[in-house]
C-alpha cells in the first residue's frame, strides 16, 4: 500500500517539485495539497493521509499551529516540518507541537524520501548535526532550568536509561549508542522504548526536546554539568 502524502506550502512551484519527486516512487502518492495550515486541516476532514509535509511560514494559519491542531486530533497523520533553517525561527516550536521531525527545503530528494518512509514507519527524523544546530540556536528560548533537570518524571529512569537518553538527545542513532555503551542495538532499542513509555513521550524528537527543556543536555549538545 502506498504512503499517502499531503503537501502543505504556500509556494505552488515548490509543491510541484515535491509532487514530481514523490510521484516517481512506487510506494508513495500525493493525495492532497494545501497552500496554508487552515486548508490542510480542512483537507484532512475528507482525505486519508499518512504523512504531511508541512511548511512553517504560511498565510492564514502557519505550520506550527496547524501541526499542533493536527497532532491533537485522534489518529493523526505524521507531520514532517519543512524549514529553511537560517530564516525559520519556528522549527523548534513545530517539534514541540508534535511534528515527527524536520527537513531542510533544499534536502536531496533521496533524504526527503527516506525521511517520509521513516516517519511513516513510526520513527522520528532526527538528523544529528542539524538537530544540534537547531536546538543550540533556539536554546535561549527554553525555560531556564539550572544545572539539574527539573522534570520529576526523569527520576523514573534507571542510570542506564538516563545514559541512553543523553545520547539520543545528542543526536546519536541506536547503532552509535550501542557502540558507545558497548551494548547490542536490540538492547538500546529496548532502553529507548522504556524511556518513551516512562516519560510518556511519542518519539525520539520529543526525547531531544525534553532533554533540552529540563537542562539534562545544555546548548552545545553535551550533558549538563
Foldseek 3Di string as FASTA:
>chain_A
DAAEEEEEALDPVLVVVLQVLQVVDPRYHHPYYYNALVVVVVVVVPDDHAEYEAEADGPPHGRLVSLLVQQVDPPHHAYEYEACLVPDLCVLSSLVSPHLYYDYSPDPSVVVVVQSVQVSVQAGDQAQVSNLVNCLVCLVVADDQPLAFDDVLVVVADPVLLVLLLVLLNPDDLVVSCVVVVHDSVVSVVSLVVVCVSVVHRYSSVSNVSCSNRNCADRVSHGRD
